[in-house]
Amino acid sequence: MKTIKINGLSIGETDPVRLMGVINLSPESFYEGSIKTGPGTILQTALRQVKEGADILDLGAKSTAPYLETEISTEEETKRALKGLKIIRKEIDKPISIDTTRAKVAKAALENGADILNDVTGFHTDPDMAPLAAEFDVPVILGATKINRFTGSPTERIIKALEQSLKIAKEAGVKEERIIVDPDIGFHRIKDYKWYKIDAHILTHLQAINKAFEQPICIGLSRKSFIGKFLNLKEPEERLYGSLGATSLAVINGAKIIRTHDVRETWEAIRVVEKIIEYGSEDE
């Protein structure tokens, strides 16, 4: 597995699993508890997440949930993103990721202190995104998108989608040692499989994705719909414990970044899994 460096933070095979704390600056986001729009609450949330163990902060100014009507203008997304970014950057030196599919938003964020581009569409929506990433020479998180274009199992389709995203990135000049991949848990709706079975298949086959790319895998599964489906829990507020169970499986199967709304609880779950793996593999 390649090692990714982000302002001194190392993400790779021998590194601890890293935590990415989610701060949603968009009132449309699916989980109301993650929405932070006031200057005070934005900063307090960022400081708390860092104290609880967040290695990276991920700012989203527009919801990317595939089942929500969340369209806003580029100007509004930029305004929200810069508001949160400037507040946090003044007080916190941890890497900050901007979660956006728009190059104009990403450029404004990078010019104001963001360190990472997180594009759930894997550079497929905005043709200016990949060249921008190459220009600024920043790490990128590439999500799998529109896997209905391909055939095969859900994981095989994820791999094919990510192959196209990596091709776009490399052709634009993005270096391999800057690329993190994300199978986009919760984003896929295809006719051949139940949506929640797609998420289950991906989580149990992360090693296949690792083998295909040897790039660190970022997983965002915090409080998502498949957990509600399995536990018959309608509201995201009720899905913490299910999220921790799924997170543990993701870590066992090779995820290197966990994107979460619940940093302290997730940090504890991850550290326990890591210690079990470490001590369980030692000879007596």
C-alpha atoms as a PDB file:
ATOM      1  CA  MET A   1       0.000   0.000   0.000  1.00  0.00           C
ATOM      2  CA  LYS A   2       1.291   3.446  -0.904  1.00  0.00           C
ATOM      3  CA  THR A   3       1.822   5.941   1.905  1.00  0.00           C
ATOM      4  CA  ILE A   4       0.090   9.309   1.627  1.00  0.00           C
ATOM      5  CA  LYS A   5       1.595  12.327   3.413  1.00  0.00           C
ATOM      6  CA  ILE A   6      -0.639  15.229   4.430  1.00  0.00           C
ATOM      7  CA  ASN A   7       1.180  18.041   6.232  1.00  0.00           C
ATOM      8  CA  GLY A   8       3.192  15.603   8.293  1.00  0.00           C
ATOM      9  CA  LEU A   9       0.351  13.112   8.764  1.00  0.00           C
ATOM     10  CA  SER A  10       1.174   9.682   7.357  1.00  0.00           C
ATOM     11  CA  ILE A  11      -1.491   7.332   6.003  1.00  0.00           C
ATOM     12  CA  GLY A  12      -0.304   3.893   4.980  1.00  0.00           C
ATOM     13  CA  GLU A  13       0.045   0.196   5.707  1.00  0.00           C
ATOM     14  CA  THR A  14       1.972   0.510   8.969  1.00  0.00           C
ATOM     15  CA  ASP A  15       0.269   3.676  10.217  1.00  0.00           C
ATOM     16  CA  PRO A  16      -2.660   3.711  12.644  1.00  0.00           C
ATOM     17  CA  VAL A  17      -6.097   4.028  11.113  1.00  0.00           C
ATOM     18  CA  ARG A  18      -6.808   7.741  10.846  1.00  0.00           C
ATOM     19  CA  LEU A  19     -10.027   9.482  11.831  1.00  0.00           C
ATOM     20  CA  MET A  20     -11.735  12.126   9.722  1.00  0.00           C
ATOM     21  CA  GLY A  21     -14.235  14.171  11.680  1.00  0.00           C
ATOM     22  CA  VAL A  22     -17.251  15.350   9.695  1.00  0.00           C
ATOM     23  CA  ILE A  23     -18.511  18.916  10.047  1.00  0.00           C
ATOM     24  CA  ASN A  24     -21.537  19.631   7.883  1.00  0.00           C
ATOM     25  CA  LEU A  25     -21.981  23.299   7.041  1.00  0.00           C
ATOM     26  CA  SER A  26     -25.106  22.525   5.005  1.00  0.00           C
ATOM     27  CA  PRO A  27     -28.536  22.601   6.682  1.00  0.00           C
ATOM     28  CA  GLU A  28     -29.708  20.010   4.120  1.00  0.00           C
ATOM     29  CA  SER A  29     -27.470  17.217   5.443  1.00  0.00           C
ATOM     30  CA  PHE A  30     -29.156  13.900   6.262  1.00  0.00           C
ATOM     31  CA  TYR A  31     -28.009  13.823   9.894  1.00  0.00           C
ATOM     32  CA  GLU A  32     -29.264  16.854  11.773  1.00  0.00           C
ATOM     33  CA  GLY A  33     -26.844  16.299  14.646  1.00  0.00           C
ATOM     34  CA  SER A  34     -23.879  16.930  12.347  1.00  0.00           C
ATOM     35  CA  ILE A  35     -25.081  20.302  11.040  1.00  0.00           C
ATOM     36  CA  LYS A  36     -23.072  23.283  12.287  1.00  0.00           C
ATOM     37  CA  THR A  37     -23.764  26.710  10.822  1.00  0.00           C
ATOM     38  CA  GLY A  38     -23.038  29.247  13.563  1.00  0.00           C
ATOM     39  CA  PRO A  39     -19.445  30.480  14.005  1.00  0.00           C
ATOM     40  CA  GLY A  40     -19.339  29.386  17.640  1.00  0.00           C
ATOM     41  CA  THR A  41     -20.716  25.899  17.046  1.00  0.00           C
ATOM     42  CA  ILE A  42     -18.431  25.346  14.035  1.00  0.00           C
ATOM     43  CA  LEU A  43     -15.320  26.142  16.061  1.00  0.00           C
ATOM     44  CA  GLN A  44     -16.476  24.291  19.178  1.00  0.00           C
ATOM     45  CA  THR A  45     -17.207  21.188  17.112  1.00  0.00           C
ATOM     46  CA  ALA A  46     -13.818  21.314  15.403  1.00  0.00           C
ATOM     47  CA  LEU A  47     -11.964  21.760  18.708  1.00  0.00           C
ATOM     48  CA  ARG A  48     -13.929  18.936  20.319  1.00  0.00           C
ATOM     49  CA  GLN A  49     -13.292  16.569  17.425  1.00  0.00           C
ATOM     50  CA  VAL A  50      -9.555  17.240  17.530  1.00  0.00           C
ATOM     51  CA  LYS A  51      -9.502  16.696  21.288  1.00  0.00           C
ATOM     52  CA  GLU A  52     -11.357  13.414  20.819  1.00  0.00           C
ATOM     53  CA  GLY A  53      -8.861  12.108  18.278  1.00  0.00           C
ATOM     54  CA  ALA A  54      -9.656  13.475  14.819  1.00  0.00           C
ATOM     55  CA  ASP A  55      -6.596  13.490  12.560  1.00  0.00           C
ATOM     56  CA  ILE A  56      -8.405  15.290   9.715  1.00  0.00           C
ATOM     57  CA  LEU A  57     -11.466  17.548   9.597  1.00  0.00           C
ATOM     58  CA  ASP A  58     -13.816  17.184   6.620  1.00  0.00           C
ATOM     59  CA  LEU A  59     -15.957  20.205   5.753  1.00  0.00           C
ATOM     60  CA  GLY A  60     -19.002  19.858   3.534  1.00  0.00           C
ATOM     61  CA  ALA A  61     -21.056  22.875   2.480  1.00  0.00           C
ATOM     62  CA  LYS A  62     -23.509  20.974   0.267  1.00  0.00           C
ATOM     63  CA  SER A  63     -25.072  17.607   1.004  1.00  0.00           C
ATOM     64  CA  THR A  64     -24.047  14.859  -1.412  1.00  0.00           C
ATOM     65  CA  ALA A  65     -26.609  12.281  -0.241  1.00  0.00           C
ATOM     66  CA  PRO A  66     -27.975  10.705  -3.451  1.00  0.00           C
ATOM     67  CA  TYR A  67     -31.563  10.498  -2.207  1.00  0.00           C
ATOM     68  CA  LEU A  68     -31.938  14.154  -1.109  1.00  0.00           C
ATOM     69  CA  GLU A  69     -32.853  17.228  -3.133  1.00  0.00           C
ATOM     70  CA  THR A  70     -30.002  19.449  -2.037  1.00  0.00           C
ATOM     71  CA  GLU A  71     -29.089  21.604  -5.015  1.00  0.00           C
ATOM     72  CA  ILE A  72     -27.663  25.013  -4.132  1.00  0.00           C
ATOM     73  CA  SER A  73     -25.678  27.516  -6.165  1.00  0.00           C
ATOM     74  CA  THR A  74     -21.901  27.407  -6.438  1.00  0.00           C
ATOM     75  CA  GLU A  75     -21.811  30.832  -4.819  1.00  0.00           C
ATOM     76  CA  GLU A  76     -23.781  29.657  -1.794  1.00  0.00           C
ATOM     77  CA  GLU A  77     -21.649  26.532  -1.391  1.00  0.00           C
ATOM     78  CA  THR A  78     -18.473  28.614  -1.607  1.00  0.00           C
ATOM     79  CA  LYS A  79     -19.776  31.113   0.948  1.00  0.00           C
ATOM     80  CA  ARG A  80     -20.604  28.349   3.421  1.00  0.00           C
ATOM     81  CA  ALA A  81     -17.321  26.514   2.862  1.00  0.00           C
ATOM     82  CA  LEU A  82     -15.131  29.592   3.332  1.00  0.00           C
ATOM     83  CA  LYS A  83     -17.026  30.667   6.417  1.00  0.00           C
ATOM     84  CA  GLY A  84     -16.324  27.350   8.164  1.00  0.00           C
ATOM     85  CA  LEU A  85     -12.813  26.994   6.811  1.00  0.00           C
ATOM     86  CA  LYS A  86     -11.640  30.412   7.926  1.00  0.00           C
ATOM     87  CA  ILE A  87     -13.080  29.950  11.411  1.00  0.00           C
ATOM     88  CA  ILE A  88     -11.354  26.593  11.884  1.00  0.00           C
ATOM     89  CA  ARG A  89      -8.073  27.398  10.168  1.00  0.00           C
ATOM     90  CA  LYS A  90      -7.359  30.270  12.559  1.00  0.00           C
ATOM     91  CA  GLU A  91      -7.408  27.943  15.560  1.00  0.00           C
ATOM     92  CA  ILE A  92      -6.521  24.456  14.307  1.00  0.00           C
ATOM     93  CA  ASP A  93      -3.506  23.181  12.382  1.00  0.00           C
ATOM     94  CA  LYS A  94      -4.868  19.710  11.587  1.00  0.00           C
ATOM     95  CA  PRO A  95      -5.358  18.834   7.886  1.00  0.00           C
ATOM     96  CA  ILE A  96      -8.695  20.056   6.552  1.00  0.00           C
ATOM     97  CA  SER A  97     -10.542  18.360   3.722  1.00  0.00           C
ATOM     98  CA  ILE A  98     -13.104  20.104   1.526  1.00  0.00           C
ATOM     99  CA  ASP A  99     -15.949  17.803   0.499  1.00  0.00           C
ATOM    100  CA  THR A 100     -17.179  19.147  -2.839  1.00  0.00           C
ATOM    101  CA  THR A 101     -17.764  18.158  -6.456  1.00  0.00           C
ATOM    102  CA  ARG A 102     -17.224  21.695  -7.802  1.00  0.00           C
ATOM    103  CA  ALA A 103     -13.816  23.018  -8.839  1.00  0.00           C
ATOM    104  CA  LYS A 104     -14.701  26.646  -8.081  1.00  0.00           C
ATOM    105  CA  VAL A 105     -15.574  25.739  -4.506  1.00  0.00           C
ATOM    106  CA  ALA A 106     -12.472  23.578  -4.195  1.00  0.00           C
ATOM    107  CA  LYS A 107     -10.183  26.307  -5.551  1.00  0.00           C
ATOM    108  CA  ALA A 108     -11.535  28.883  -3.119  1.00  0.00           C
ATOM    109  CA  ALA A 109     -11.063  26.426  -0.255  1.00  0.00           C
ATOM    110  CA  LEU A 110      -7.505  25.531  -1.262  1.00  0.00           C
ATOM    111  CA  GLU A 111      -6.619  29.211  -1.510  1.00  0.00           C
ATOM    112  CA  ASN A 112      -7.893  29.684   2.043  1.00  0.00           C
ATOM    113  CA  GLY A 113      -6.156  26.837   3.811  1.00  0.00           C
ATOM    114  CA  ALA A 114      -7.774  23.528   2.845  1.00  0.00           C
ATOM    115  CA  ASP A 115      -5.329  20.638   2.455  1.00  0.00           C
ATOM    116  CA  ILE A 116      -7.321  17.841   0.786  1.00  0.00           C
ATOM    117  CA  LEU A 117      -9.927  17.522  -1.975  1.00  0.00           C
ATOM    118  CA  ASN A 118     -12.701  15.031  -1.277  1.00  0.00           C
ATOM    119  CA  ASP A 119     -14.744  14.436  -4.452  1.00  0.00           C
ATOM    120  CA  VAL A 120     -17.394  11.744  -4.069  1.00  0.00           C
ATOM    121  CA  THR A 121     -17.815  11.641  -7.853  1.00  0.00           C
ATOM    122  CA  GLY A 122     -14.180  10.757  -8.427  1.00  0.00           C
ATOM    123  CA  PHE A 123     -13.483  13.690 -10.783  1.00  0.00           C
ATOM    124  CA  HIS A 124     -16.427  12.767 -13.024  1.00  0.00           C
ATOM    125  CA  THR A 125     -18.675  15.795 -12.429  1.00  0.00           C
ATOM    126  CA  ASP A 126     -16.434  18.822 -12.953  1.00  0.00           C
ATOM    127  CA  PRO A 127     -13.691  18.514 -15.606  1.00  0.00           C
ATOM    128  CA  ASP A 128     -11.687  21.246 -13.886  1.00  0.00           C
ATOM    129  CA  MET A 129     -11.342  19.320 -10.613  1.00  0.00           C
ATOM    130  CA  ALA A 130      -8.503  16.959 -11.572  1.00  0.00           C
ATOM    131  CA  PRO A 131      -6.327  19.693 -13.144  1.00  0.00           C
ATOM    132  CA  LEU A 132      -6.947  21.799 -10.027  1.00  0.00           C
ATOM    133  CA  ALA A 133      -5.750  18.984  -7.776  1.00  0.00           C
ATOM    134  CA  ALA A 134      -2.627  18.619  -9.903  1.00  0.00           C
ATOM    135  CA  GLU A 135      -1.996  22.371  -9.895  1.00  0.00           C
ATOM    136  CA  PHE A 136      -2.166  22.603  -6.107  1.00  0.00           C
ATOM    137  CA  ASP A 137      -0.470  19.205  -5.651  1.00  0.00           C
ATOM    138  CA  VAL A 138      -2.811  18.187  -2.838  1.00  0.00           C
ATOM    139  CA  PRO A 139      -4.030  14.769  -1.697  1.00  0.00           C
ATOM    140  CA  VAL A 140      -7.365  13.733  -3.159  1.00  0.00           C
ATOM    141  CA  ILE A 141     -10.072  11.341  -2.037  1.00  0.00           C
ATOM    142  CA  LEU A 142     -11.714   9.826  -5.103  1.00  0.00           C
ATOM    143  CA  GLY A 143     -15.175   8.345  -4.681  1.00  0.00           C
ATOM    144  CA  ALA A 144     -16.688   5.630  -6.831  1.00  0.00           C
ATOM    145  CA  THR A 145     -19.577   6.930  -8.910  1.00  0.00           C
ATOM    146  CA  LYS A 146     -22.304   5.600 -11.214  1.00  0.00           C
ATOM    147  CA  ILE A 147     -21.383   1.947 -10.858  1.00  0.00           C
ATOM    148  CA  ASN A 148     -24.480   1.046 -12.889  1.00  0.00           C
ATOM    149  CA  ARG A 149     -22.267   1.671 -15.945  1.00  0.00           C
ATOM    150  CA  PHE A 150     -20.484  -1.610 -15.250  1.00  0.00           C
ATOM    151  CA  THR A 151     -21.228  -5.297 -14.774  1.00  0.00           C
ATOM    152  CA  GLY A 152     -20.162  -7.766 -12.121  1.00  0.00           C
ATOM    153  CA  SER A 153     -20.487  -7.895  -8.355  1.00  0.00           C
ATOM    154  CA  PRO A 154     -20.862  -4.606  -6.469  1.00  0.00           C
ATOM    155  CA  THR A 155     -17.182  -4.611  -5.529  1.00  0.00           C
ATOM    156  CA  GLU A 156     -16.093  -5.395  -9.093  1.00  0.00           C
ATOM    157  CA  ARG A 157     -18.144  -2.417 -10.257  1.00  0.00           C
ATOM    158  CA  ILE A 158     -16.586  -0.214  -7.571  1.00  0.00           C
ATOM    159  CA  ILE A 159     -13.126  -1.202  -8.780  1.00  0.00           C
ATOM    160  CA  LYS A 160     -14.008  -0.408 -12.399  1.00  0.00           C
ATOM    161  CA  ALA A 161     -15.420   2.983 -11.418  1.00  0.00           C
ATOM    162  CA  LEU A 162     -12.342   3.827  -9.377  1.00  0.00           C
ATOM    163  CA  GLU A 163     -10.076   2.722 -12.226  1.00  0.00           C
ATOM    164  CA  GLN A 164     -11.682   5.398 -14.396  1.00  0.00           C
ATOM    165  CA  SER A 165     -11.254   8.021 -11.686  1.00  0.00           C
ATOM    166  CA  LEU A 166      -7.584   7.161 -11.236  1.00  0.00           C
ATOM    167  CA  LYS A 167      -7.104   7.383 -14.981  1.00  0.00           C
ATOM    168  CA  ILE A 168      -8.615  10.882 -15.019  1.00  0.00           C
ATOM    169  CA  ALA A 169      -6.437  11.896 -12.079  1.00  0.00           C
ATOM    170  CA  LYS A 170      -3.190  10.566 -13.519  1.00  0.00           C
ATOM    171  CA  GLU A 171      -3.837  12.031 -16.973  1.00  0.00           C
ATOM    172  CA  ALA A 172      -4.298  15.427 -15.318  1.00  0.00           C
ATOM    173  CA  GLY A 173      -0.992  15.077 -13.503  1.00  0.00           C
ATOM    174  CA  VAL A 174      -2.136  13.980 -10.033  1.00  0.00           C
ATOM    175  CA  LYS A 175       0.563  11.801  -8.474  1.00  0.00           C
ATOM    176  CA  GLU A 176      -0.266   8.295  -7.251  1.00  0.00           C
ATOM    177  CA  GLU A 177       1.156   9.139  -3.834  1.00  0.00           C
ATOM    178  CA  ARG A 178      -1.562  11.793  -3.555  1.00  0.00           C
ATOM    179  CA  ILE A 179      -4.539   9.482  -4.166  1.00  0.00           C
ATOM    180  CA  ILE A 180      -6.902   7.942  -1.614  1.00  0.00           C
ATOM    181  CA  VAL A 181      -9.894   5.888  -2.785  1.00  0.00           C
ATOM    182  CA  ASP A 182     -13.390   5.739  -1.325  1.00  0.00           C
ATOM    183  CA  PRO A 183     -15.981   3.133  -2.387  1.00  0.00           C
ATOM    184  CA  ASP A 184     -18.779   5.587  -1.506  1.00  0.00           C
ATOM    185  CA  ILE A 185     -20.784   3.521   0.947  1.00  0.00           C
ATOM    186  CA  GLY A 186     -24.443   4.564   0.778  1.00  0.00           C
ATOM    187  CA  PHE A 187     -24.322   6.173  -2.663  1.00  0.00           C
ATOM    188  CA  HIS A 188     -25.180   3.264  -4.923  1.00  0.00           C
ATOM    189  CA  ARG A 189     -28.582   2.407  -6.362  1.00  0.00           C
ATOM    190  CA  ILE A 190     -28.578  -0.189  -9.159  1.00  0.00           C
ATOM    191  CA  LYS A 191     -31.267  -2.565 -10.413  1.00  0.00           C
ATOM    192  CA  ASP A 192     -29.294  -5.793  -9.982  1.00  0.00           C
ATOM    193  CA  TYR A 193     -28.814  -5.575  -6.212  1.00  0.00           C
ATOM    194  CA  LYS A 194     -30.638  -4.270  -3.174  1.00  0.00           C
ATOM    195  CA  TRP A 195     -28.902  -1.061  -2.126  1.00  0.00           C
ATOM    196  CA  TYR A 196     -28.119  -2.292   1.384  1.00  0.00           C
ATOM    197  CA  LYS A 197     -26.633  -5.514   0.004  1.00  0.00           C
ATOM    198  CA  ILE A 198     -24.288  -3.400  -2.120  1.00  0.00           C
ATOM    199  CA  ASP A 199     -22.953  -1.702   1.012  1.00  0.00           C
ATOM    200  CA  ALA A 200     -22.563  -5.063   2.774  1.00  0.00           C
ATOM    201  CA  HIS A 201     -20.706  -6.531  -0.190  1.00  0.00           C
ATOM    202  CA  ILE A 202     -18.301  -3.588  -0.333  1.00  0.00           C
ATOM    203  CA  LEU A 203     -17.523  -3.747   3.393  1.00  0.00           C
ATOM    204  CA  THR A 204     -16.766  -7.466   3.263  1.00  0.00           C
ATOM    205  CA  HIS A 205     -14.601  -7.141   0.136  1.00  0.00           C
ATOM    206  CA  LEU A 206     -12.382  -4.161   0.955  1.00  0.00           C
ATOM    207  CA  GLN A 207      -9.299  -6.328   0.563  1.00  0.00           C
ATOM    208  CA  ALA A 208     -10.147  -6.731  -3.136  1.00  0.00           C
ATOM    209  CA  ILE A 209     -10.127  -2.935  -3.485  1.00  0.00           C
ATOM    210  CA  ASN A 210      -6.820  -2.768  -1.606  1.00  0.00           C
ATOM    211  CA  LYS A 211      -5.330  -5.371  -3.919  1.00  0.00           C
ATOM    212  CA  ALA A 212      -6.606  -3.602  -7.047  1.00  0.00           C
ATOM    213  CA  PHE A 213      -5.080  -0.199  -6.254  1.00  0.00           C
ATOM    214  CA  GLU A 214      -2.737  -0.346  -3.259  1.00  0.00           C
ATOM    215  CA  GLN A 215      -3.991   3.133  -2.384  1.00  0.00           C
ATOM    216  CA  PRO A 216      -5.297   3.850   1.142  1.00  0.00           C
ATOM    217  CA  ILE A 217      -9.041   3.374   1.487  1.00  0.00           C
ATOM    218  CA  CYS A 218     -11.271   5.967   3.132  1.00  0.00           C
ATOM    219  CA  ILE A 219     -14.644   4.745   4.362  1.00  0.00           C
ATOM    220  CA  GLY A 220     -17.600   6.918   5.325  1.00  0.00           C
ATOM    221  CA  LEU A 221     -20.364   4.834   6.873  1.00  0.00           C
ATOM    222  CA  SER A 222     -21.309   6.845   9.933  1.00  0.00           C
ATOM    223  CA  ARG A 223     -25.062   6.606  10.680  1.00  0.00           C
ATOM    224  CA  LYS A 224     -25.881   5.709   7.070  1.00  0.00           C
ATOM    225  CA  SER A 225     -29.086   4.188   5.754  1.00  0.00           C
ATOM    226  CA  PHE A 226     -27.914   0.579   5.505  1.00  0.00           C
ATOM    227  CA  ILE A 227     -27.375   0.575   9.267  1.00  0.00           C
ATOM    228  CA  GLY A 228     -30.918   1.819   9.754  1.00  0.00           C
ATOM    229  CA  LYS A 229     -32.166  -0.881   7.394  1.00  0.00           C
ATOM    230  CA  PHE A 230     -30.400  -3.679   9.261  1.00  0.00           C
ATOM    231  CA  LEU A 231     -31.545  -2.445  12.684  1.00  0.00           C
ATOM    232  CA  ASN A 232     -34.952  -1.057  11.663  1.00  0.00           C
ATOM    233  CA  LEU A 233     -33.914   2.397  12.860  1.00  0.00           C
ATOM    234  CA  LYS A 234     -35.393   5.212  10.818  1.00  0.00           C
ATOM    235  CA  GLU A 235     -33.557   8.159  12.339  1.00  0.00           C
ATOM    236  CA  PRO A 236     -29.786   8.691  11.942  1.00  0.00           C
ATOM    237  CA  GLU A 237     -29.673   9.787  15.591  1.00  0.00           C
ATOM    238  CA  GLU A 238     -30.319   6.159  16.568  1.00  0.00           C
ATOM    239  CA  ARG A 239     -27.540   4.558  14.511  1.00  0.00           C
ATOM    240  CA  LEU A 240     -24.379   5.154  16.556  1.00  0.00           C
ATOM    241  CA  TYR A 241     -23.843   1.614  17.816  1.00  0.00           C
ATOM    242  CA  GLY A 242     -24.508   0.093  14.427  1.00  0.00           C
ATOM    243  CA  SER A 243     -21.989   2.512  12.945  1.00  0.00           C
ATOM    244  CA  LEU A 244     -19.339   1.345  15.399  1.00  0.00           C
ATOM    245  CA  GLY A 245     -19.984  -2.280  14.488  1.00  0.00           C
ATOM    246  CA  ALA A 246     -19.627  -1.552  10.774  1.00  0.00           C
ATOM    247  CA  THR A 247     -16.530   0.564  11.445  1.00  0.00           C
ATOM    248  CA  SER A 248     -14.839  -2.323  13.242  1.00  0.00           C
ATOM    249  CA  LEU A 249     -15.428  -4.573  10.240  1.00  0.00           C
ATOM    250  CA  ALA A 250     -14.065  -1.911   7.882  1.00  0.00           C
ATOM    251  CA  VAL A 251     -10.864  -1.620   9.923  1.00  0.00           C
ATOM    252  CA  ILE A 252     -10.398  -5.390  10.053  1.00  0.00           C
ATOM    253  CA  ASN A 253     -10.788  -5.511   6.274  1.00  0.00           C
ATOM    254  CA  GLY A 254      -8.240  -2.811   5.542  1.00  0.00           C
ATOM    255  CA  ALA A 255      -9.735   0.703   5.711  1.00  0.00           C
ATOM    256  CA  LYS A 256      -7.086   3.306   6.613  1.00  0.00           C
ATOM    257  CA  ILE A 257      -9.292   6.391   7.090  1.00  0.00           C
ATOM    258  CA  ILE A 258     -12.657   6.336   8.836  1.00  0.00           C
ATOM    259  CA  ARG A 259     -14.903   9.308   8.181  1.00  0.00           C
ATOM    260  CA  THR A 260     -17.236   9.798  11.133  1.00  0.00           C
ATOM    261  CA  HIS A 261     -19.638  12.127  12.907  1.00  0.00           C
ATOM    262  CA  ASP A 262     -18.762  10.541  16.269  1.00  0.00           C
ATOM    263  CA  VAL A 263     -15.048  10.899  16.824  1.00  0.00           C
ATOM    264  CA  ARG A 264     -14.539   9.775  20.416  1.00  0.00           C
ATOM    265  CA  GLU A 265     -16.697   6.665  20.136  1.00  0.00           C
ATOM    266  CA  THR A 266     -15.159   5.715  16.795  1.00  0.00           C
ATOM    267  CA  TRP A 267     -11.611   6.350  18.062  1.00  0.00           C
ATOM    268  CA  GLU A 268     -12.177   3.922  20.916  1.00  0.00           C
ATOM    269  CA  ALA A 269     -13.642   1.240  18.642  1.00  0.00           C
ATOM    270  CA  ILE A 270     -10.752   1.530  16.181  1.00  0.00           C
ATOM    271  CA  ARG A 271      -8.035   1.445  18.834  1.00  0.00           C
ATOM    272  CA  VAL A 272      -9.531  -1.717  20.366  1.00  0.00           C
ATOM    273  CA  VAL A 273      -9.665  -3.445  16.974  1.00  0.00           C
ATOM    274  CA  GLU A 274      -6.064  -2.439  16.258  1.00  0.00           C
ATOM    275  CA  LYS A 275      -4.860  -3.807  19.602  1.00  0.00           C
ATOM    276  CA  ILE A 276      -6.717  -7.081  19.093  1.00  0.00           C
ATOM    277  CA  ILE A 277      -5.084  -7.469  15.673  1.00  0.00           C
ATOM    278  CA  GLU A 278      -1.666  -6.524  17.055  1.00  0.00           C
ATOM    279  CA  TYR A 279      -1.667  -8.778  20.090  1.00  0.00           C
ATOM    280  CA  GLY A 280      -3.570 -11.574  18.404  1.00  0.00           C
ATOM    281  CA  SER A 281      -0.901 -11.903  15.747  1.00  0.00           C
ATOM    282  CA  GLU A 282       1.975 -12.185  18.210  1.00  0.00           C
ATOM    283  CA  ASP A 283       3.549 -15.549  18.963  1.00  0.00           C
ATOM    284  CA  GLU A 284       3.144 -16.761  22.523  1.00  0.00           C
END
